[in-house]
């Protein structure tokens, strides 16, 4: 029983990581592709343009979604800490 609970918690943790990292990664990917197409069309060869746009977008995404991301992590941590005494028995 103990092993299955640990495996289930590890699965939930990995799934939470995927869900929480999704929005910043998707925003970065979409904006990176958009900037790359813009740079190709205008023949601008500036390396920092792509990085700057993605950095600002990911920062804004984390600021906007920060409360939700933090609450999801806190909820998972509370679940782990609540169930831990039953695993140790």
PDB file of N, CA and C in Angstrom:
ATOM      1  N   UNK A   1       0.820  -1.192   0.000  1.00  0.00           N
ATOM      2  CA  UNK A   1       0.000   0.000   0.000  1.00  0.00           C
ATOM      3  C   UNK A   1       0.866   1.260   0.000  1.00  0.00           C
ATOM      4  N   UNK A   2       1.959   1.208   0.743  1.00  0.00           N
ATOM      5  CA  UNK A   2       2.836   2.372   0.849  1.00  0.00           C
ATOM      6  C   UNK A   2       3.430   2.744  -0.501  1.00  0.00           C
ATOM      7  N   UNK A   3       3.877   1.743  -1.257  1.00  0.00           N
ATOM      8  CA  UNK A   3       4.495   2.009  -2.556  1.00  0.00           C
ATOM      9  C   UNK A   3       3.531   2.635  -3.537  1.00  0.00           C
ATOM     10  N   UNK A   4       2.296   2.183  -3.547  1.00  0.00           N
ATOM     11  CA  UNK A   4       1.327   2.729  -4.482  1.00  0.00           C
ATOM     12  C   UNK A   4       0.979   4.170  -4.147  1.00  0.00           C
ATOM     13  N   UNK A   5       0.965   4.518  -2.854  1.00  0.00           N
ATOM     14  CA  UNK A   5       0.695   5.904  -2.469  1.00  0.00           C
ATOM     15  C   UNK A   5       1.834   6.820  -2.898  1.00  0.00           C
ATOM     16  N   UNK A   6       3.057   6.341  -2.760  1.00  0.00           N
ATOM     17  CA  UNK A   6       4.213   7.143  -3.168  1.00  0.00           C
ATOM     18  C   UNK A   6       4.222   7.321  -4.681  1.00  0.00           C
ATOM     19  N   UNK A   7       3.938   6.260  -5.408  1.00  0.00           N
ATOM     20  CA  UNK A   7       3.899   6.348  -6.865  1.00  0.00           C
ATOM     21  C   UNK A   7       2.789   7.290  -7.307  1.00  0.00           C
ATOM     22  N   UNK A   8       1.643   7.228  -6.663  1.00  0.00           N
ATOM     23  CA  UNK A   8       0.530   8.121  -7.004  1.00  0.00           C
ATOM     24  C   UNK A   8       0.892   9.577  -6.729  1.00  0.00           C
ATOM     25  N   UNK A   9       1.544   9.843  -5.608  1.00  0.00           N
ATOM     26  CA  UNK A   9       1.953  11.216  -5.290  1.00  0.00           C
ATOM     27  C   UNK A   9       3.017  11.711  -6.257  1.00  0.00           C
ATOM     28  N   UNK A  10       3.944  10.850  -6.633  1.00  0.00           N
ATOM     29  CA  UNK A  10       4.970  11.232  -7.614  1.00  0.00           C
ATOM     30  C   UNK A  10       4.320  11.531  -8.957  1.00  0.00           C
ATOM     31  N   UNK A  11       3.361  10.726  -9.356  1.00  0.00           N
ATOM     32  CA  UNK A  11       2.632  10.970 -10.604  1.00  0.00           C
ATOM     33  C   UNK A  11       1.908  12.310 -10.563  1.00  0.00           C
ATOM     34  N   UNK A  12       1.235  12.602  -9.448  1.00  0.00           N
ATOM     35  CA  UNK A  12       0.535  13.879  -9.309  1.00  0.00           C
ATOM     36  C   UNK A  12       1.514  15.052  -9.337  1.00  0.00           C
ATOM     37  N   UNK A  13       2.684  14.875  -8.733  1.00  0.00           N
ATOM     38  CA  UNK A  13       3.693  15.920  -8.744  1.00  0.00           C
ATOM     39  C   UNK A  13       4.222  16.201 -10.143  1.00  0.00           C
ATOM     40  N   UNK A  14       4.501  15.146 -10.892  1.00  0.00           N
ATOM     41  CA  UNK A  14       4.992  15.324 -12.260  1.00  0.00           C
ATOM     42  C   UNK A  14       3.919  15.932 -13.164  1.00  0.00           C
ATOM     43  N   UNK A  15       2.682  15.517 -12.971  1.00  0.00           N
ATOM     44  CA  UNK A  15       1.579  16.102 -13.738  1.00  0.00           C
ATOM     45  C   UNK A  15       1.412  17.581 -13.398  1.00  0.00           C
ATOM     46  N   UNK A  16       1.573  17.928 -12.134  1.00  0.00           N
ATOM     47  CA  UNK A  16       1.483  19.325 -11.719  1.00  0.00           C
ATOM     48  C   UNK A  16       2.593  20.152 -12.357  1.00  0.00           C
ATOM     49  N   UNK A  17       3.793  19.600 -12.444  1.00  0.00           N
ATOM     50  CA  UNK A  17       4.898  20.297 -13.095  1.00  0.00           C
ATOM     51  C   UNK A  17       4.568  20.577 -14.559  1.00  0.00           C
ATOM     52  N   UNK A  18       4.009  19.596 -15.245  1.00  0.00           N
ATOM     53  CA  UNK A  18       3.637  19.789 -16.646  1.00  0.00           C
ATOM     54  C   UNK A  18       2.565  20.858 -16.808  1.00  0.00           C
ATOM     55  N   UNK A  19       1.574  20.839 -15.937  1.00  0.00           N
ATOM     56  CA  UNK A  19       0.485  21.809 -16.029  1.00  0.00           C
ATOM     57  C   UNK A  19       0.983  23.218 -15.724  1.00  0.00           C
ATOM     58  N   UNK A  20       1.822  23.364 -14.706  1.00  0.00           N
ATOM     59  CA  UNK A  20       2.281  24.691 -14.301  1.00  0.00           C
ATOM     60  C   UNK A  20       3.317  25.272 -15.251  1.00  0.00           C
ATOM     61  N   UNK A  21       4.084  24.426 -15.915  1.00  0.00           N
ATOM     62  CA  UNK A  21       5.089  24.948 -16.851  1.00  0.00           C
ATOM     63  C   UNK A  21       4.503  25.173 -18.243  1.00  0.00           C
ATOM     64  N   UNK A  22       3.298  24.723 -18.488  1.00  0.00           N
ATOM     65  CA  UNK A  22       2.677  24.855 -19.797  1.00  0.00           C
ATOM     66  C   UNK A  22       2.489  26.282 -20.286  1.00  0.00           C
ATOM     67  N   UNK A  23       1.831  27.153 -19.511  1.00  0.00           N
ATOM     68  CA  UNK A  23       1.592  28.514 -20.017  1.00  0.00           C
ATOM     69  C   UNK A  23       2.858  29.295 -20.384  1.00  0.00           C
ATOM     70  N   UNK A  24       3.886  29.348 -19.524  1.00  0.00           N
ATOM     71  CA  UNK A  24       5.088  30.092 -19.945  1.00  0.00           C
ATOM     72  C   UNK A  24       5.782  29.488 -21.166  1.00  0.00           C
ATOM     73  N   UNK A  25       5.812  28.181 -21.246  1.00  0.00           N
ATOM     74  CA  UNK A  25       6.466  27.530 -22.383  1.00  0.00           C
ATOM     75  C   UNK A  25       5.688  27.797 -23.670  1.00  0.00           C
ATOM     76  N   UNK A  26       4.375  27.702 -23.614  1.00  0.00           N
ATOM     77  CA  UNK A  26       3.562  27.945 -24.807  1.00  0.00           C
ATOM     78  C   UNK A  26       3.654  29.401 -25.274  1.00  0.00           C
ATOM     79  N   UNK A  27       3.611  30.334 -24.324  1.00  0.00           N
ATOM     80  CA  UNK A  27       3.739  31.753 -24.684  1.00  0.00           C
ATOM     81  C   UNK A  27       5.098  32.004 -25.323  1.00  0.00           C
ATOM     82  N   UNK A  28       6.147  31.450 -24.735  1.00  0.00           N
ATOM     83  CA  UNK A  28       7.496  31.626 -25.272  1.00  0.00           C
ATOM     84  C   UNK A  28       7.616  31.024 -26.665  1.00  0.00           C
ATOM     85  N   UNK A  29       7.022  29.854 -26.855  1.00  0.00           N
ATOM     86  CA  UNK A  29       7.104  29.191 -28.147  1.00  0.00           C
ATOM     87  C   UNK A  29       6.364  29.974 -29.234  1.00  0.00           C
ATOM     88  N   UNK A  30       5.168  30.442 -28.924  1.00  0.00           N
ATOM     89  CA  UNK A  30       4.380  31.184 -29.909  1.00  0.00           C
ATOM     90  C   UNK A  30       5.056  32.512 -30.259  1.00  0.00           C
ATOM     91  N   UNK A  31       5.511  33.234 -29.245  1.00  0.00           N
ATOM     92  CA  UNK A  31       6.168  34.510 -29.524  1.00  0.00           C
ATOM     93  C   UNK A  31       7.521  34.312 -30.209  1.00  0.00           C
ATOM     94  N   UNK A  32       8.243  33.270 -29.872  1.00  0.00           N
ATOM     95  CA  UNK A  32       9.507  32.994 -30.548  1.00  0.00           C
ATOM     96  C   UNK A  32       9.298  32.712 -32.025  1.00  0.00           C
ATOM     97  N   UNK A  33       8.272  31.937 -32.335  1.00  0.00           N
ATOM     98  CA  UNK A  33       7.960  31.652 -33.730  1.00  0.00           C
ATOM     99  C   UNK A  33       7.523  32.917 -34.466  1.00  0.00           C
ATOM    100  N   UNK A  34       6.700  33.735 -33.813  1.00  0.00           N
ATOM    101  CA  UNK A  34       6.240  34.983 -34.426  1.00  0.00           C
ATOM    102  C   UNK A  34       7.412  35.927 -34.708  1.00  0.00           C
ATOM    103  N   UNK A  35       8.298  36.080 -33.738  1.00  0.00           N
ATOM    104  CA  UNK A  35       9.457  36.964 -33.927  1.00  0.00           C
ATOM    105  C   UNK A  35      10.385  36.401 -35.000  1.00  0.00           C
ATOM    106  N   UNK A  36      10.545  35.088 -35.034  1.00  0.00           N
ATOM    107  CA  UNK A  36      11.399  34.477 -36.057  1.00  0.00           C
ATOM    108  C   UNK A  36      10.846  34.720 -37.458  1.00  0.00           C
ATOM    109  N   UNK A  37       9.531  34.600 -37.611  1.00  0.00           N
ATOM    110  CA  UNK A  37       8.915  34.875 -38.910  1.00  0.00           C
ATOM    111  C   UNK A  37       9.084  36.345 -39.275  1.00  0.00           C
ATOM    112  N   UNK A  38       8.907  37.240 -38.287  1.00  0.00           N
ATOM    113  CA  UNK A  38       9.095  38.670 -38.524  1.00  0.00           C
ATOM    114  C   UNK A  38      10.541  38.976 -38.923  1.00  0.00           C
ATOM    115  N   UNK A  39      11.497  38.354 -38.227  1.00  0.00           N
ATOM    116  CA  UNK A  39      12.904  38.586 -38.553  1.00  0.00           C
ATOM    117  C   UNK A  39      13.253  38.049 -39.934  1.00  0.00           C
ATOM    118  N   UNK A  40      12.677  36.940 -40.298  1.00  0.00           N
ATOM    119  CA  UNK A  40      12.927  36.377 -41.626  1.00  0.00           C
ATOM    120  C   UNK A  40      12.333  37.275 -42.714  1.00  0.00           C
ATOM    121  N   UNK A  41      11.148  37.764 -42.478  1.00  0.00           N
ATOM    122  CA  UNK A  41      10.480  38.598 -43.487  1.00  0.00           C
ATOM    123  C   UNK A  41      11.188  39.940 -43.676  1.00  0.00           C
ATOM    124  N   UNK A  42      11.713  40.495 -42.589  1.00  0.00           N
ATOM    125  CA  UNK A  42      12.360  41.803 -42.680  1.00  0.00           C
ATOM    126  C   UNK A  42      13.879  41.705 -42.784  1.00  0.00           C
ATOM    127  N   UNK A  43      14.413  40.517 -42.714  1.00  0.00           N
ATOM    128  CA  UNK A  43      15.850  40.241 -42.786  1.00  0.00           C
ATOM    129  C   UNK A  43      16.635  40.958 -41.687  1.00  0.00           C
ATOM    130  N   UNK A  44      16.028  41.046 -40.518  1.00  0.00           N
ATOM    131  CA  UNK A  44      16.725  41.588 -39.347  1.00  0.00           C
ATOM    132  C   UNK A  44      17.494  40.438 -38.704  1.00  0.00           C
ATOM    133  N   UNK A  45      18.778  40.613 -38.465  1.00  0.00           N
ATOM    134  CA  UNK A  45      19.614  39.551 -37.908  1.00  0.00           C
ATOM    135  C   UNK A  45      20.011  39.841 -36.457  1.00  0.00           C
ATOM    136  N   UNK A  46      19.137  40.440 -35.710  1.00  0.00           N
ATOM    137  CA  UNK A  46      19.424  40.801 -34.325  1.00  0.00           C
ATOM    138  C   UNK A  46      19.057  39.642 -33.399  1.00  0.00           C
ATOM    139  N   UNK A  47      20.047  39.089 -32.692  1.00  0.00           N
ATOM    140  CA  UNK A  47      19.827  37.935 -31.817  1.00  0.00           C
ATOM    141  C   UNK A  47      19.045  38.303 -30.557  1.00  0.00           C
ATOM    142  N   UNK A  48      19.289  39.492 -30.044  1.00  0.00           N
ATOM    143  CA  UNK A  48      18.675  39.861 -28.767  1.00  0.00           C
ATOM    144  C   UNK A  48      17.189  40.187 -28.894  1.00  0.00           C
ATOM    145  N   UNK A  49      16.703  40.449 -30.076  1.00  0.00           N
ATOM    146  CA  UNK A  49      15.288  40.775 -30.250  1.00  0.00           C
ATOM    147  C   UNK A  49      14.402  39.612 -29.813  1.00  0.00           C
ATOM    148  N   UNK A  50      14.722  38.437 -30.253  1.00  0.00           N
ATOM    149  CA  UNK A  50      13.931  37.256 -29.911  1.00  0.00           C
ATOM    150  C   UNK A  50      13.984  36.964 -28.416  1.00  0.00           C
ATOM    151  N   UNK A  51      15.174  37.035 -27.850  1.00  0.00           N
ATOM    152  CA  UNK A  51      15.329  36.738 -26.428  1.00  0.00           C
ATOM    153  C   UNK A  51      14.596  37.770 -25.574  1.00  0.00           C
ATOM    154  N   UNK A  52      14.690  39.029 -25.935  1.00  0.00           N
ATOM    155  CA  UNK A  52      14.052  40.092 -25.155  1.00  0.00           C
ATOM    156  C   UNK A  52      12.536  39.953 -25.165  1.00  0.00           C
ATOM    157  N   UNK A  53      11.974  39.694 -26.317  1.00  0.00           N
ATOM    158  CA  UNK A  53      10.519  39.549 -26.417  1.00  0.00           C
ATOM    159  C   UNK A  53      10.048  38.351 -25.587  1.00  0.00           C
ATOM    160  N   UNK A  54      10.757  37.232 -25.690  1.00  0.00           N
ATOM    161  CA  UNK A  54      10.366  36.047 -24.927  1.00  0.00           C
ATOM    162  C   UNK A  54      10.536  36.265 -23.426  1.00  0.00           C
ATOM    163  N   UNK A  55      11.601  36.942 -23.027  1.00  0.00           N
ATOM    164  CA  UNK A  55      11.837  37.209 -21.611  1.00  0.00           C
ATOM    165  C   UNK A  55      10.735  38.078 -21.013  1.00  0.00           C
ATOM    166  N   UNK A  56      10.361  39.119 -21.721  1.00  0.00           N
ATOM    167  CA  UNK A  56       9.288  40.002 -21.243  1.00  0.00           C
ATOM    168  C   UNK A  56       7.959  39.253 -21.197  1.00  0.00           C
ATOM    169  N   UNK A  57       7.675  38.458 -22.210  1.00  0.00           N
ATOM    170  CA  UNK A  57       6.406  37.726 -22.261  1.00  0.00           C
ATOM    171  C   UNK A  57       6.308  36.687 -21.149  1.00  0.00           C
ATOM    172  N   UNK A  58       7.375  35.957 -20.907  1.00  0.00           N
ATOM    173  CA  UNK A  58       7.350  34.945 -19.852  1.00  0.00           C
ATOM    174  C   UNK A  58       7.253  35.611 -18.486  1.00  0.00           C
ATOM    175  N   UNK A  59       7.942  36.726 -18.299  1.00  0.00           N
ATOM    176  CA  UNK A  59       7.853  37.449 -17.033  1.00  0.00           C
ATOM    177  C   UNK A  59       6.434  37.938 -16.787  1.00  0.00           C
ATOM    178  N   UNK A  60       5.806  38.512 -17.791  1.00  0.00           N
ATOM    179  CA  UNK A  60       4.418  38.969 -17.640  1.00  0.00           C
ATOM    180  C   UNK A  60       3.466  37.796 -17.386  1.00  0.00           C
ATOM    181  N   UNK A  61       3.710  36.687 -18.055  1.00  0.00           N
ATOM    182  CA  UNK A  61       2.875  35.500 -17.839  1.00  0.00           C
ATOM    183  C   UNK A  61       2.990  35.014 -16.403  1.00  0.00           C
ATOM    184  N   UNK A  62       4.207  34.985 -15.873  1.00  0.00           N
ATOM    185  CA  UNK A  62       4.399  34.544 -14.494  1.00  0.00           C
ATOM    186  C   UNK A  62       3.811  35.531 -13.496  1.00  0.00           C
ATOM    187  N   UNK A  63       3.858  36.825 -13.809  1.00  0.00           N
ATOM    188  CA  UNK A  63       3.250  37.822 -12.923  1.00  0.00           C
ATOM    189  C   UNK A  63       1.728  37.666 -12.917  1.00  0.00           C
ATOM    190  N   UNK A  64       1.154  37.483 -14.096  1.00  0.00           N
ATOM    191  CA  UNK A  64      -0.309  37.369 -14.204  1.00  0.00           C
ATOM    192  C   UNK A  64      -0.811  36.066 -13.578  1.00  0.00           C
ATOM    193  N   UNK A  65      -0.126  34.957 -13.838  1.00  0.00           N
ATOM    194  CA  UNK A  65      -0.578  33.650 -13.351  1.00  0.00           C
ATOM    195  C   UNK A  65       0.063  33.244 -12.034  1.00  0.00           C
ATOM    196  N   UNK A  66       0.838  34.137 -11.423  1.00  0.00           N
ATOM    197  CA  UNK A  66       1.575  33.787 -10.214  1.00  0.00           C
ATOM    198  C   UNK A  66       0.711  33.307  -9.067  1.00  0.00           C
ATOM    199  N   UNK A  67      -0.413  33.955  -8.844  1.00  0.00           N
ATOM    200  CA  UNK A  67      -1.292  33.563  -7.737  1.00  0.00           C
ATOM    201  C   UNK A  67      -1.858  32.162  -7.959  1.00  0.00           C
ATOM    202  N   UNK A  68      -2.281  31.894  -9.172  1.00  0.00           N
ATOM    203  CA  UNK A  68      -2.829  30.566  -9.476  1.00  0.00           C
ATOM    204  C   UNK A  68      -1.747  29.493  -9.366  1.00  0.00           C
ATOM    205  N   UNK A  69      -0.568  29.779  -9.906  1.00  0.00           N
ATOM    206  CA  UNK A  69       0.528  28.824  -9.834  1.00  0.00           C
ATOM    207  C   UNK A  69       0.901  28.535  -8.387  1.00  0.00           C
ATOM    208  N   UNK A  70       0.993  29.574  -7.584  1.00  0.00           N
ATOM    209  CA  UNK A  70       1.331  29.397  -6.172  1.00  0.00           C
ATOM    210  C   UNK A  70       0.278  28.616  -5.411  1.00  0.00           C
ATOM    211  N   UNK A  71      -0.989  28.867  -5.713  1.00  0.00           N
ATOM    212  CA  UNK A  71      -2.055  28.143  -5.012  1.00  0.00           C
ATOM    213  C   UNK A  71      -2.053  26.663  -5.377  1.00  0.00           C
ATOM    214  N   UNK A  72      -1.740  26.349  -6.634  1.00  0.00           N
ATOM    215  CA  UNK A  72      -1.666  24.940  -7.030  1.00  0.00           C
ATOM    216  C   UNK A  72      -0.519  24.225  -6.321  1.00  0.00           C
ATOM    217  N   UNK A  73       0.628  24.891  -6.219  1.00  0.00           N
ATOM    218  CA  UNK A  73       1.768  24.300  -5.519  1.00  0.00           C
ATOM    219  C   UNK A  73       1.450  24.136  -4.041  1.00  0.00           C
ATOM    220  N   UNK A  74       0.805  25.142  -3.444  1.00  0.00           N
ATOM    221  CA  UNK A  74       0.456  25.077  -2.021  1.00  0.00           C
ATOM    222  C   UNK A  74      -0.547  23.972  -1.746  1.00  0.00           C
ATOM    223  N   UNK A  75      -1.506  23.799  -2.634  1.00  0.00           N
ATOM    224  CA  UNK A  75      -2.500  22.736  -2.465  1.00  0.00           C
ATOM    225  C   UNK A  75      -1.833  21.364  -2.539  1.00  0.00           C
ATOM    226  N   UNK A  76      -0.910  21.187  -3.474  1.00  0.00           N
ATOM    227  CA  UNK A  76      -0.203  19.913  -3.577  1.00  0.00           C
ATOM    228  C   UNK A  76       0.656  19.666  -2.339  1.00  0.00           C
ATOM    229  N   UNK A  77       1.336  20.704  -1.859  1.00  0.00           N
ATOM    230  CA  UNK A  77       2.174  20.557  -0.667  1.00  0.00           C
ATOM    231  C   UNK A  77       1.328  20.201   0.550  1.00  0.00           C
ATOM    232  N   UNK A  78       0.176  20.826   0.683  1.00  0.00           N
ATOM    233  CA  UNK A  78      -0.704  20.505   1.813  1.00  0.00           C
ATOM    234  C   UNK A  78      -1.210  19.072   1.735  1.00  0.00           C
ATOM    235  N   UNK A  79      -1.486  18.593   0.539  1.00  0.00           N
ATOM    236  CA  UNK A  79      -1.896  17.199   0.368  1.00  0.00           C
ATOM    237  C   UNK A  79      -0.780  16.251   0.787  1.00  0.00           C
ATOM    238  N   UNK A  80       0.438  16.551   0.383  1.00  0.00           N
ATOM    239  CA  UNK A  80       1.579  15.707   0.744  1.00  0.00           C
ATOM    240  C   UNK A  80       1.787  15.708   2.255  1.00  0.00           C
ATOM    241  N   UNK A  81       1.779  16.905   2.875  1.00  0.00           N
ATOM    242  CA  UNK A  81       2.014  16.993   4.312  1.00  0.00           C
ATOM    243  C   UNK A  81       0.874  16.372   5.117  1.00  0.00           C
ATOM    244  N   UNK A  82      -0.336  16.430   4.613  1.00  0.00           N
ATOM    245  CA  UNK A  82      -1.468  15.835   5.306  1.00  0.00           C
ATOM    246  C   UNK A  82      -1.409  14.309   5.240  1.00  0.00           C
ATOM    247  N   UNK A  83      -1.015  13.771   4.088  1.00  0.00           N
ATOM    248  CA  UNK A  83      -0.983  12.317   3.917  1.00  0.00           C
ATOM    249  C   UNK A  83       0.295  11.670   4.437  1.00  0.00           C
ATOM    250  N   UNK A  84       1.319  12.436   4.714  1.00  0.00           N
ATOM    251  CA  UNK A  84       2.605  11.869   5.121  1.00  0.00           C
ATOM    252  C   UNK A  84       2.516  11.009   6.391  1.00  0.00           C
ATOM    253  N   UNK A  85       1.799  11.436   7.444  1.00  0.00           N
ATOM    254  CA  UNK A  85       1.739  10.574   8.636  1.00  0.00           C
ATOM    255  C   UNK A  85       1.124   9.208   8.371  1.00  0.00           C
ATOM    256  N   UNK A  86       0.203   9.115   7.435  1.00  0.00           N
ATOM    257  CA  UNK A  86      -0.399   7.808   7.140  1.00  0.00           C
ATOM    258  C   UNK A  86       0.572   6.921   6.370  1.00  0.00           C
ATOM    259  N   UNK A  87       1.536   7.504   5.666  1.00  0.00           N
ATOM    260  CA  UNK A  87       2.516   6.715   4.925  1.00  0.00           C
ATOM    261  C   UNK A  87       3.575   6.134   5.845  1.00  0.00           C
ATOM    262  N   UNK A  88       3.870   6.840   6.922  1.00  0.00           N
ATOM    263  CA  UNK A  88       4.956   6.442   7.814  1.00  0.00           C
ATOM    264  C   UNK A  88       4.561   5.277   8.693  1.00  0.00           C
ATOM    265  N   UNK A  89       3.295   5.141   9.020  1.00  0.00           N
ATOM    266  CA  UNK A  89       2.823   4.088   9.926  1.00  0.00           C
ATOM    267  C   UNK A  89       3.234   2.719   9.519  1.00  0.00           C
TER     268      UNK A  89
END
